[in-house]
Structures are given as C-alpha cells and as structure tokens.
Amino acid sequence: MLFNKRRTVFISGSAYEYGKFGSTGRLFTKNLTSSLLRNNFTIISGFGVGIGPAVVEGALEQVYLEKQGGISHYLRVYPFGSYAHTDIVKTSYRQDMISEAGIAIFIFGNKLQDISIREAEGMIEEFRIARANQALLIPIGASGYISEKLWREMMQDFDAYFDNREKFQLYEELGEPYTKHDRLIDLVLQIAQ
C-alpha cells in the first residue's frame, strides 16, 4: 500500500537508556506513536533499540482499538537485524526507508557499544537523508543524545532549514529539558500539521 508522503512520519531513534526521561521514555514513544496515528498520520520505523518495540506497541493499540483496517495501513517497519552490514547497504536501506516519509522525527539516539553508552551516529545519517529528501525535520531535543545535537544544529541555523520563522517558538520548546511529555507530543503535532 502506498502512503501519502506528506502524512507519513519516519520515527528515527534508538535508546539503550532514556536519560532524563528515565522509565517514562518508552511510554513517551508509545504515546507519541498513538497520537500521530490518532491525527491521521502513518508511521515508518527503523525499529531502533528501545524505540521500535514502543512504536509498534503504540501502533497496535491505536489501530486495533480505534482504527479500521489492518496494521499495514498505518505502520511500516524496517528492522536492521543484528547481522553485519556494509556502509553502502546501510545507507541504501536508510534511503529507501526515509524516501517514503514527508516528516522525520528524531528521539533519543544512543546505543550500547563496547560496554558503554555511545551516540547512535546512524541517526545523523538518517537526519541528512531526510533533509536531502526535503522532509520536515523534527528533532525532540529534550530527549537528549543525538536528538539534542540535531535540535541544537537546527536552532543555531534555523533560517537554513526553513523559509520563515513561523514555527520557531515551537521548535525552541522542543529542546527545553523539562518540558512535560504531553506538551512535547502536542508540539510535534503542531509542527507536523
């Protein structure tokens, strides 16, 4: 089934830990997904660690409790798998996945590597691909990690990303570290509309 690109959201994220969000990080991701679906968006997910299962859970509950039709009408999942990929394969896979979305949301962005928490640099590549595809970029800076870095980058050069400053204050609030989770979801929806 073909999705309406303008109403299709790519959720980029990985979270071995949820930082300031603590134990509510997974619930935030689930609620974000449910809210997007309730507002007639469809979802694409790369099924990142700590994010993918919450996206699927939010979609399943929303679709089977409130929507008509099967899950494939509302959610498309592109799991990476644990096997080794070359950089060329990873990039091509990301380009395929992201090219279908008109909006890209970035949350968290960390992974466990060599027994320590590291930045998930794959998110940076996904951000660049989404930008090249002219997707509306929405990094939730309050979630920390790579998302916060991407948010800071956008805020420092906002005019390079947007033709006007109409939504500047909404973006600004997305990076405030103690913004309530319901408010963050509301900001995302306002920006995406």
N, C-alpha and C. Protein backbone atom coordinates (compact mmCIF):
# COMPACT_ATOMS: atom_id res chain seq x y z
N MET A 1 0.84 -1.18 0.00
CA MET A 1 0.00 0.00 0.00
C MET A 1 0.88 1.25 0.00
N LEU A 2 0.57 2.23 -0.83
CA LEU A 2 1.31 3.48 -0.86
C LEU A 2 0.78 4.43 0.19
N PHE A 3 1.68 5.04 0.92
CA PHE A 3 1.31 6.01 1.93
C PHE A 3 1.31 7.40 1.30
N ASN A 4 0.52 8.32 1.84
CA ASN A 4 0.57 9.73 1.47
C ASN A 4 1.84 10.30 2.10
N LYS A 5 2.79 10.69 1.29
CA LYS A 5 4.10 11.12 1.79
C LYS A 5 3.99 12.26 2.80
N ARG A 6 3.16 13.23 2.54
CA ARG A 6 3.04 14.39 3.45
C ARG A 6 2.47 13.99 4.82
N ARG A 7 1.72 12.89 4.87
CA ARG A 7 1.11 12.42 6.11
C ARG A 7 1.84 11.20 6.67
N THR A 8 3.06 10.94 6.15
CA THR A 8 3.84 9.79 6.62
C THR A 8 5.03 10.28 7.42
N VAL A 9 5.17 9.73 8.62
CA VAL A 9 6.19 10.14 9.57
C VAL A 9 7.20 9.02 9.76
N PHE A 10 8.47 9.35 9.57
CA PHE A 10 9.56 8.43 9.89
C PHE A 10 10.01 8.75 11.32
N ILE A 11 9.99 7.75 12.19
CA ILE A 11 10.47 7.93 13.56
C ILE A 11 11.86 7.32 13.65
N SER A 12 12.85 8.18 13.83
CA SER A 12 14.24 7.76 13.95
C SER A 12 14.63 7.81 15.42
N GLY A 13 15.15 6.71 15.92
CA GLY A 13 15.56 6.73 17.31
C GLY A 13 16.13 5.40 17.75
N SER A 14 16.95 5.48 18.77
CA SER A 14 17.43 4.29 19.47
C SER A 14 17.72 4.73 20.89
N ALA A 15 17.47 3.82 21.83
CA ALA A 15 17.67 4.18 23.22
C ALA A 15 18.03 2.95 24.04
N TYR A 16 19.31 2.81 24.30
CA TYR A 16 19.70 1.79 25.28
C TYR A 16 19.27 2.27 26.65
N GLU A 17 19.34 3.61 26.83
CA GLU A 17 18.83 4.26 28.05
C GLU A 17 18.06 5.50 27.62
N TYR A 18 17.19 5.98 28.49
CA TYR A 18 16.31 7.10 28.16
C TYR A 18 16.70 8.41 28.83
N GLY A 19 17.88 8.47 29.44
CA GLY A 19 18.39 9.71 30.01
C GLY A 19 17.40 10.38 30.95
N LYS A 20 17.16 11.68 30.74
CA LYS A 20 16.26 12.46 31.61
C LYS A 20 14.84 11.92 31.64
N PHE A 21 14.45 11.20 30.60
CA PHE A 21 13.10 10.65 30.55
C PHE A 21 12.95 9.44 31.47
N GLY A 22 14.08 8.83 31.83
CA GLY A 22 14.04 7.69 32.74
C GLY A 22 13.09 6.60 32.28
N SER A 23 12.37 6.04 33.23
CA SER A 23 11.48 4.91 32.93
C SER A 23 10.28 5.30 32.07
N THR A 24 10.07 6.59 31.85
CA THR A 24 8.92 7.02 31.04
C THR A 24 9.29 7.18 29.55
N GLY A 25 10.52 6.94 29.18
CA GLY A 25 10.95 7.10 27.79
C GLY A 25 10.22 6.20 26.82
N ARG A 26 10.03 4.97 27.23
CA ARG A 26 9.32 4.01 26.38
C ARG A 26 7.85 4.41 26.24
N LEU A 27 7.24 4.82 27.34
CA LEU A 27 5.84 5.25 27.32
C LEU A 27 5.68 6.51 26.46
N PHE A 28 6.64 7.42 26.54
CA PHE A 28 6.60 8.62 25.70
C PHE A 28 6.57 8.23 24.22
N THR A 29 7.43 7.30 23.84
CA THR A 29 7.50 6.87 22.43
C THR A 29 6.19 6.22 22.00
N LYS A 30 5.65 5.38 22.85
CA LYS A 30 4.37 4.72 22.57
C LYS A 30 3.26 5.77 22.41
N ASN A 31 3.20 6.73 23.32
CA ASN A 31 2.15 7.77 23.26
C ASN A 31 2.32 8.69 22.06
N LEU A 32 3.56 8.98 21.69
CA LEU A 32 3.83 9.79 20.50
C LEU A 32 3.28 9.07 19.27
N THR A 33 3.56 7.79 19.15
CA THR A 33 3.07 7.00 18.02
C THR A 33 1.54 6.99 17.97
N SER A 34 0.92 6.71 19.11
CA SER A 34 -0.55 6.69 19.18
C SER A 34 -1.15 8.03 18.77
N SER A 35 -0.55 9.11 19.25
CA SER A 35 -1.05 10.46 18.93
C SER A 35 -0.92 10.76 17.45
N LEU A 36 0.18 10.37 16.85
CA LEU A 36 0.36 10.59 15.42
C LEU A 36 -0.71 9.83 14.63
N LEU A 37 -0.96 8.59 14.99
CA LEU A 37 -1.97 7.79 14.30
C LEU A 37 -3.37 8.37 14.51
N ARG A 38 -3.66 8.83 15.72
CA ARG A 38 -4.96 9.45 16.01
C ARG A 38 -5.18 10.69 15.15
N ASN A 39 -4.09 11.34 14.77
CA ASN A 39 -4.15 12.55 13.94
C ASN A 39 -3.94 12.24 12.46
N ASN A 40 -4.20 11.01 12.10
CA ASN A 40 -4.22 10.56 10.70
C ASN A 40 -2.87 10.60 9.98
N PHE A 41 -1.82 10.38 10.73
CA PHE A 41 -0.50 10.16 10.12
C PHE A 41 -0.28 8.66 10.04
N THR A 42 0.60 8.23 9.15
CA THR A 42 1.07 6.86 9.12
C THR A 42 2.54 6.88 9.57
N ILE A 43 3.04 5.75 9.98
CA ILE A 43 4.35 5.68 10.62
C ILE A 43 5.28 4.74 9.86
N ILE A 44 6.55 5.16 9.78
CA ILE A 44 7.64 4.30 9.32
C ILE A 44 8.66 4.27 10.45
N SER A 45 9.16 3.08 10.77
CA SER A 45 10.14 2.94 11.83
C SER A 45 11.27 2.03 11.39
N GLY A 46 12.48 2.39 11.78
CA GLY A 46 13.65 1.55 11.55
C GLY A 46 13.84 0.54 12.67
N PHE A 47 12.90 0.52 13.61
CA PHE A 47 12.88 -0.43 14.71
C PHE A 47 14.16 -0.36 15.54
N GLY A 48 14.58 0.87 15.89
CA GLY A 48 15.77 1.05 16.72
C GLY A 48 15.58 0.48 18.11
N VAL A 49 16.68 0.09 18.72
CA VAL A 49 16.68 -0.48 20.07
C VAL A 49 15.96 0.48 21.03
N GLY A 50 15.05 -0.05 21.81
CA GLY A 50 14.35 0.74 22.82
C GLY A 50 13.26 1.64 22.26
N ILE A 51 13.24 1.82 20.94
CA ILE A 51 12.25 2.70 20.30
C ILE A 51 11.27 1.87 19.47
N GLY A 52 11.79 0.99 18.62
CA GLY A 52 10.97 0.20 17.72
C GLY A 52 9.84 -0.55 18.42
N PRO A 53 10.13 -1.28 19.49
CA PRO A 53 9.04 -2.00 20.17
C PRO A 53 7.96 -1.06 20.72
N ALA A 54 8.35 0.11 21.20
CA ALA A 54 7.36 1.07 21.72
C ALA A 54 6.52 1.65 20.59
N VAL A 55 7.14 1.88 19.43
CA VAL A 55 6.41 2.37 18.25
C VAL A 55 5.37 1.32 17.84
N VAL A 56 5.79 0.07 17.75
CA VAL A 56 4.87 -1.00 17.35
C VAL A 56 3.74 -1.14 18.37
N GLU A 57 4.07 -1.10 19.65
CA GLU A 57 3.05 -1.23 20.69
C GLU A 57 2.02 -0.11 20.59
N GLY A 58 2.49 1.13 20.43
CA GLY A 58 1.57 2.26 20.30
C GLY A 58 0.70 2.13 19.06
N ALA A 59 1.28 1.65 17.97
CA ALA A 59 0.52 1.49 16.72
C ALA A 59 -0.52 0.38 16.86
N LEU A 60 -0.12 -0.75 17.42
CA LEU A 60 -1.05 -1.87 17.57
C LEU A 60 -2.26 -1.48 18.40
N GLU A 61 -2.01 -0.83 19.53
CA GLU A 61 -3.13 -0.43 20.39
C GLU A 61 -4.04 0.56 19.68
N GLN A 62 -3.45 1.54 19.03
CA GLN A 62 -4.26 2.56 18.36
C GLN A 62 -5.06 1.97 17.21
N VAL A 63 -4.41 1.16 16.39
CA VAL A 63 -5.08 0.60 15.22
C VAL A 63 -6.19 -0.36 15.62
N TYR A 64 -5.90 -1.28 16.51
CA TYR A 64 -6.90 -2.30 16.80
C TYR A 64 -7.97 -1.86 17.80
N LEU A 65 -7.73 -0.78 18.51
CA LEU A 65 -8.77 -0.27 19.41
C LEU A 65 -9.62 0.80 18.76
N GLU A 66 -9.04 1.58 17.82
CA GLU A 66 -9.77 2.74 17.31
C GLU A 66 -9.85 2.88 15.80
N LYS A 67 -8.97 2.26 15.06
CA LYS A 67 -8.95 2.44 13.61
C LYS A 67 -9.63 1.28 12.89
N GLN A 68 -9.86 1.48 11.63
CA GLN A 68 -10.40 0.42 10.77
C GLN A 68 -9.26 -0.06 9.87
N GLY A 69 -9.27 -1.33 9.52
CA GLY A 69 -8.25 -1.86 8.64
C GLY A 69 -7.10 -2.48 9.41
N GLY A 70 -6.21 -3.11 8.69
CA GLY A 70 -5.08 -3.79 9.30
C GLY A 70 -3.94 -2.85 9.60
N ILE A 71 -3.00 -3.35 10.37
CA ILE A 71 -1.85 -2.56 10.81
C ILE A 71 -1.02 -2.07 9.62
N SER A 72 -0.99 -2.81 8.52
CA SER A 72 -0.17 -2.42 7.37
C SER A 72 -0.66 -1.13 6.71
N HIS A 73 -1.87 -0.70 7.02
CA HIS A 73 -2.38 0.57 6.51
C HIS A 73 -1.80 1.76 7.27
N TYR A 74 -1.21 1.49 8.43
CA TYR A 74 -0.78 2.58 9.31
C TYR A 74 0.69 2.53 9.71
N LEU A 75 1.33 1.38 9.58
CA LEU A 75 2.70 1.21 10.07
C LEU A 75 3.52 0.39 9.10
N ARG A 76 4.72 0.87 8.83
CA ARG A 76 5.70 0.12 8.04
C ARG A 76 7.00 0.08 8.85
N VAL A 77 7.52 -1.12 9.07
CA VAL A 77 8.71 -1.32 9.91
C VAL A 77 9.84 -1.87 9.05
N TYR A 78 11.03 -1.27 9.22
CA TYR A 78 12.23 -1.68 8.50
C TYR A 78 13.31 -2.08 9.52
N PRO A 79 13.24 -3.27 10.08
CA PRO A 79 14.26 -3.66 11.06
C PRO A 79 15.62 -3.87 10.40
N PHE A 80 16.67 -3.46 11.10
CA PHE A 80 18.03 -3.61 10.57
C PHE A 80 18.58 -5.01 10.79
N GLY A 81 18.17 -5.68 11.83
CA GLY A 81 18.73 -7.00 12.13
C GLY A 81 20.10 -6.89 12.77
N SER A 82 20.57 -7.97 13.31
CA SER A 82 21.84 -7.93 14.04
C SER A 82 23.03 -8.38 13.21
N TYR A 83 22.80 -8.79 11.98
CA TYR A 83 23.89 -9.24 11.14
C TYR A 83 24.68 -8.04 10.61
N ALA A 84 25.91 -8.30 10.18
CA ALA A 84 26.79 -7.22 9.72
C ALA A 84 26.32 -6.65 8.39
N HIS A 85 26.38 -5.34 8.27
CA HIS A 85 26.04 -4.64 7.03
C HIS A 85 27.25 -3.83 6.59
N THR A 86 27.41 -3.68 5.30
CA THR A 86 28.41 -2.72 4.83
C THR A 86 27.78 -1.34 4.92
N ASP A 87 28.58 -0.31 4.94
CA ASP A 87 28.06 1.06 5.00
C ASP A 87 27.17 1.36 3.80
N ILE A 88 27.53 0.83 2.63
CA ILE A 88 26.74 1.08 1.42
C ILE A 88 25.35 0.48 1.56
N VAL A 89 25.26 -0.73 2.11
CA VAL A 89 23.96 -1.38 2.30
C VAL A 89 23.13 -0.60 3.33
N LYS A 90 23.75 -0.20 4.44
CA LYS A 90 23.02 0.56 5.47
C LYS A 90 22.48 1.86 4.90
N THR A 91 23.30 2.57 4.16
CA THR A 91 22.87 3.86 3.58
C THR A 91 21.74 3.65 2.58
N SER A 92 21.86 2.66 1.72
CA SER A 92 20.81 2.39 0.73
C SER A 92 19.50 2.01 1.41
N TYR A 93 19.59 1.21 2.45
CA TYR A 93 18.42 0.79 3.22
C TYR A 93 17.75 2.01 3.86
N ARG A 94 18.56 2.87 4.45
CA ARG A 94 18.02 4.10 5.07
C ARG A 94 17.36 4.99 4.01
N GLN A 95 17.99 5.14 2.87
CA GLN A 95 17.43 5.98 1.82
C GLN A 95 16.08 5.44 1.37
N ASP A 96 15.97 4.14 1.20
CA ASP A 96 14.71 3.51 0.83
C ASP A 96 13.62 3.81 1.85
N MET A 97 13.95 3.60 3.10
CA MET A 97 13.01 3.77 4.19
C MET A 97 12.55 5.22 4.32
N ILE A 98 13.48 6.14 4.30
CA ILE A 98 13.18 7.55 4.57
C ILE A 98 12.53 8.23 3.37
N SER A 99 12.78 7.75 2.17
CA SER A 99 12.23 8.39 0.97
C SER A 99 10.71 8.38 0.94
N GLU A 100 10.09 7.52 1.72
CA GLU A 100 8.63 7.42 1.75
C GLU A 100 7.97 8.41 2.71
N ALA A 101 8.78 9.11 3.50
CA ALA A 101 8.23 9.98 4.55
C ALA A 101 8.38 11.46 4.21
N GLY A 102 7.37 12.22 4.54
CA GLY A 102 7.41 13.67 4.38
C GLY A 102 7.81 14.38 5.67
N ILE A 103 7.82 13.63 6.77
CA ILE A 103 8.17 14.17 8.09
C ILE A 103 9.11 13.18 8.75
N ALA A 104 10.13 13.68 9.45
CA ALA A 104 11.06 12.81 10.17
C ALA A 104 11.23 13.33 11.60
N ILE A 105 10.92 12.47 12.56
CA ILE A 105 11.05 12.80 13.98
C ILE A 105 12.26 12.06 14.53
N PHE A 106 13.04 12.74 15.35
CA PHE A 106 14.25 12.16 15.92
C PHE A 106 14.15 12.19 17.44
N ILE A 107 14.28 11.00 18.06
CA ILE A 107 14.21 10.91 19.52
C ILE A 107 15.37 10.08 20.06
N PHE A 108 15.88 10.54 21.20
CA PHE A 108 17.00 9.91 21.90
C PHE A 108 18.20 9.79 20.97
N GLY A 109 18.72 8.60 20.73
CA GLY A 109 19.88 8.44 19.84
C GLY A 109 21.12 8.00 20.58
N ASN A 110 21.01 6.88 21.28
CA ASN A 110 22.18 6.30 21.94
C ASN A 110 22.14 4.79 21.78
N LYS A 111 23.29 4.18 22.03
CA LYS A 111 23.40 2.72 21.92
C LYS A 111 24.47 2.23 22.88
N LEU A 112 24.43 0.94 23.16
CA LEU A 112 25.46 0.30 23.96
C LEU A 112 26.50 -0.26 23.01
N GLN A 113 27.75 0.18 23.22
CA GLN A 113 28.85 -0.31 22.39
C GLN A 113 30.09 -0.41 23.25
N ASP A 114 30.74 -1.56 23.20
CA ASP A 114 31.96 -1.76 24.00
C ASP A 114 31.74 -1.41 25.46
N ILE A 115 30.69 -1.92 26.03
CA ILE A 115 30.25 -1.77 27.43
C ILE A 115 30.03 -0.32 27.90
N SER A 116 29.83 0.59 26.97
CA SER A 116 29.49 1.95 27.39
C SER A 116 28.44 2.54 26.44
N ILE A 117 27.75 3.57 26.93
CA ILE A 117 26.73 4.23 26.15
C ILE A 117 27.40 5.17 25.17
N ARG A 118 27.06 5.04 23.90
CA ARG A 118 27.62 5.88 22.84
C ARG A 118 26.50 6.52 22.04
N GLU A 119 26.87 7.53 21.30
CA GLU A 119 25.90 8.16 20.41
C GLU A 119 25.60 7.24 19.25
N ALA A 120 24.35 7.23 18.82
CA ALA A 120 23.93 6.42 17.68
C ALA A 120 24.10 7.25 16.41
N GLU A 121 25.29 7.17 15.84
CA GLU A 121 25.62 8.02 14.70
C GLU A 121 24.78 7.74 13.46
N GLY A 122 24.12 6.57 13.41
CA GLY A 122 23.22 6.27 12.31
C GLY A 122 22.09 7.29 12.21
N MET A 123 21.71 7.86 13.35
CA MET A 123 20.66 8.89 13.35
C MET A 123 21.10 10.13 12.61
N ILE A 124 22.37 10.45 12.70
CA ILE A 124 22.88 11.63 11.99
C ILE A 124 22.74 11.40 10.48
N GLU A 125 23.09 10.20 10.04
CA GLU A 125 22.93 9.88 8.63
C GLU A 125 21.45 9.94 8.23
N GLU A 126 20.56 9.45 9.07
CA GLU A 126 19.12 9.49 8.78
C GLU A 126 18.62 10.93 8.69
N PHE A 127 19.14 11.79 9.55
CA PHE A 127 18.80 13.22 9.52
C PHE A 127 19.22 13.83 8.18
N ARG A 128 20.45 13.53 7.75
CA ARG A 128 20.97 14.07 6.49
C ARG A 128 20.15 13.56 5.29
N ILE A 129 19.80 12.29 5.32
CA ILE A 129 19.00 11.72 4.23
C ILE A 129 17.61 12.36 4.21
N ALA A 130 16.99 12.50 5.38
CA ALA A 130 15.66 13.12 5.46
C ALA A 130 15.71 14.56 4.96
N ARG A 131 16.76 15.27 5.31
CA ARG A 131 16.91 16.65 4.84
C ARG A 131 17.07 16.69 3.32
N ALA A 132 17.88 15.80 2.78
CA ALA A 132 18.08 15.73 1.33
C ALA A 132 16.78 15.41 0.60
N ASN A 133 15.89 14.67 1.26
CA ASN A 133 14.59 14.33 0.71
C ASN A 133 13.53 15.39 1.00
N GLN A 134 13.96 16.50 1.57
CA GLN A 134 13.09 17.63 1.89
C GLN A 134 11.96 17.28 2.85
N ALA A 135 12.22 16.34 3.75
CA ALA A 135 11.26 16.01 4.80
C ALA A 135 11.27 17.13 5.84
N LEU A 136 10.15 17.30 6.51
CA LEU A 136 10.07 18.22 7.64
C LEU A 136 10.79 17.55 8.80
N LEU A 137 11.84 18.19 9.31
CA LEU A 137 12.69 17.61 10.35
C LEU A 137 12.23 18.07 11.72
N ILE A 138 12.01 17.10 12.64
CA ILE A 138 11.56 17.43 13.99
C ILE A 138 12.40 16.67 15.01
N PRO A 139 13.56 17.22 15.40
CA PRO A 139 14.34 16.57 16.46
C PRO A 139 13.80 17.00 17.83
N ILE A 140 13.49 16.03 18.67
CA ILE A 140 12.99 16.32 20.01
C ILE A 140 14.20 16.46 20.92
N GLY A 141 14.74 17.66 20.98
CA GLY A 141 15.96 17.93 21.72
C GLY A 141 15.87 17.58 23.19
N ALA A 142 14.70 17.69 23.77
CA ALA A 142 14.52 17.39 25.20
C ALA A 142 14.82 15.93 25.52
N SER A 143 14.80 15.06 24.52
CA SER A 143 15.07 13.64 24.77
C SER A 143 16.58 13.36 24.89
N GLY A 144 17.41 14.34 24.57
CA GLY A 144 18.86 14.21 24.75
C GLY A 144 19.55 13.45 23.64
N TYR A 145 20.84 13.19 23.88
CA TYR A 145 21.69 12.41 22.99
C TYR A 145 21.77 13.03 21.59
N ILE A 146 21.72 12.21 20.54
CA ILE A 146 21.85 12.72 19.17
C ILE A 146 20.70 13.67 18.84
N SER A 147 19.52 13.38 19.33
CA SER A 147 18.37 14.26 19.06
C SER A 147 18.63 15.68 19.55
N GLU A 148 19.23 15.80 20.70
CA GLU A 148 19.57 17.12 21.23
C GLU A 148 20.61 17.80 20.35
N LYS A 149 21.60 17.06 19.88
CA LYS A 149 22.61 17.64 18.99
C LYS A 149 21.97 18.16 17.69
N LEU A 150 21.09 17.34 17.12
CA LEU A 150 20.42 17.74 15.88
C LEU A 150 19.53 18.96 16.12
N TRP A 151 18.85 18.98 17.25
CA TRP A 151 18.00 20.12 17.60
C TRP A 151 18.86 21.39 17.71
N ARG A 152 19.99 21.29 18.41
CA ARG A 152 20.89 22.46 18.56
C ARG A 152 21.38 22.95 17.20
N GLU A 153 21.74 22.02 16.34
CA GLU A 153 22.20 22.36 14.99
C GLU A 153 21.12 23.15 14.25
N MET A 154 19.89 22.69 14.33
CA MET A 154 18.80 23.38 13.65
C MET A 154 18.54 24.75 14.26
N MET A 155 18.57 24.84 15.57
CA MET A 155 18.27 26.11 16.23
C MET A 155 19.37 27.15 15.95
N GLN A 156 20.61 26.71 15.82
CA GLN A 156 21.71 27.64 15.55
C GLN A 156 21.66 28.19 14.14
N ASP A 157 21.03 27.46 13.22
CA ASP A 157 20.97 27.90 11.83
C ASP A 157 19.56 27.69 11.28
N PHE A 158 18.56 28.13 12.04
CA PHE A 158 17.15 27.88 11.74
C PHE A 158 16.78 28.32 10.33
N ASP A 159 17.29 29.46 9.90
CA ASP A 159 16.93 30.00 8.59
C ASP A 159 17.45 29.15 7.43
N ALA A 160 18.44 28.31 7.68
CA ALA A 160 18.92 27.40 6.64
C ALA A 160 17.97 26.22 6.45
N TYR A 161 17.13 25.97 7.45
CA TYR A 161 16.20 24.85 7.40
C TYR A 161 14.78 25.26 6.99
N PHE A 162 14.44 26.53 7.23
CA PHE A 162 13.07 26.98 7.00
C PHE A 162 13.03 28.32 6.27
N ASP A 163 11.98 28.52 5.49
CA ASP A 163 11.80 29.77 4.75
C ASP A 163 11.33 30.91 5.64
N ASN A 164 10.71 30.57 6.78
CA ASN A 164 10.24 31.61 7.70
C ASN A 164 10.38 31.11 9.13
N ARG A 165 10.10 32.00 10.07
CA ARG A 165 10.25 31.66 11.49
C ARG A 165 8.92 31.40 12.18
N GLU A 166 7.92 31.05 11.38
CA GLU A 166 6.58 30.85 11.89
C GLU A 166 6.53 29.83 13.05
N LYS A 167 7.31 28.77 12.97
CA LYS A 167 7.26 27.73 14.00
C LYS A 167 8.50 27.73 14.90
N PHE A 168 9.24 28.83 14.88
CA PHE A 168 10.48 28.91 15.65
C PHE A 168 10.25 28.62 17.14
N GLN A 169 9.24 29.25 17.72
CA GLN A 169 8.99 29.06 19.16
C GLN A 169 8.60 27.63 19.50
N LEU A 170 7.89 26.97 18.60
CA LEU A 170 7.54 25.57 18.82
C LEU A 170 8.81 24.71 18.86
N TYR A 171 9.70 24.95 17.90
CA TYR A 171 10.97 24.22 17.87
C TYR A 171 11.81 24.52 19.10
N GLU A 172 11.81 25.78 19.50
CA GLU A 172 12.58 26.18 20.67
C GLU A 172 12.16 25.37 21.90
N GLU A 173 10.86 25.22 22.07
CA GLU A 173 10.34 24.50 23.23
C GLU A 173 10.64 23.00 23.17
N LEU A 174 10.82 22.46 21.96
CA LEU A 174 11.15 21.04 21.82
C LEU A 174 12.47 20.67 22.48
N GLY A 175 13.32 21.65 22.72
CA GLY A 175 14.63 21.36 23.30
C GLY A 175 14.72 21.65 24.78
N GLU A 176 13.67 22.20 25.36
CA GLU A 176 13.71 22.51 26.80
C GLU A 176 13.66 21.20 27.58
N PRO A 177 14.67 20.96 28.42
CA PRO A 177 14.84 19.64 29.02
C PRO A 177 13.72 19.17 29.94
N TYR A 178 12.94 20.06 30.50
CA TYR A 178 11.92 19.62 31.44
C TYR A 178 10.50 19.87 30.95
N THR A 179 10.35 19.99 29.63
CA THR A 179 9.02 20.12 29.05
C THR A 179 8.26 18.82 29.30
N LYS A 180 7.03 18.95 29.74
CA LYS A 180 6.22 17.75 30.00
C LYS A 180 6.03 16.94 28.72
N HIS A 181 5.94 15.65 28.86
CA HIS A 181 5.87 14.76 27.70
C HIS A 181 4.62 15.02 26.85
N ASP A 182 3.49 15.27 27.49
CA ASP A 182 2.27 15.57 26.72
C ASP A 182 2.46 16.83 25.89
N ARG A 183 3.15 17.81 26.46
CA ARG A 183 3.42 19.05 25.73
C ARG A 183 4.36 18.79 24.56
N LEU A 184 5.36 17.95 24.72
CA LEU A 184 6.27 17.63 23.62
C LEU A 184 5.49 17.00 22.46
N ILE A 185 4.58 16.10 22.77
CA ILE A 185 3.77 15.46 21.74
C ILE A 185 2.89 16.51 21.05
N ASP A 186 2.31 17.40 21.83
CA ASP A 186 1.49 18.47 21.26
C ASP A 186 2.32 19.35 20.34
N LEU A 187 3.55 19.67 20.72
CA LEU A 187 4.44 20.49 19.88
C LEU A 187 4.73 19.78 18.56
N VAL A 188 5.02 18.50 18.63
CA VAL A 188 5.29 17.72 17.42
C VAL A 188 4.09 17.78 16.48
N LEU A 189 2.90 17.59 17.03
CA LEU A 189 1.69 17.62 16.21
C LEU A 189 1.46 18.99 15.59
N GLN A 190 1.70 20.05 16.36
CA GLN A 190 1.54 21.40 15.80
C GLN A 190 2.52 21.67 14.67
N ILE A 191 3.74 21.22 14.85
CA ILE A 191 4.76 21.42 13.80
C ILE A 191 4.42 20.60 12.57
N ALA A 192 3.95 19.39 12.77
CA ALA A 192 3.69 18.46 11.66
C ALA A 192 2.46 18.83 10.83
N GLN A 193 1.52 19.54 11.42
CA GLN A 193 0.25 19.87 10.70
C GLN A 193 0.49 20.84 9.58
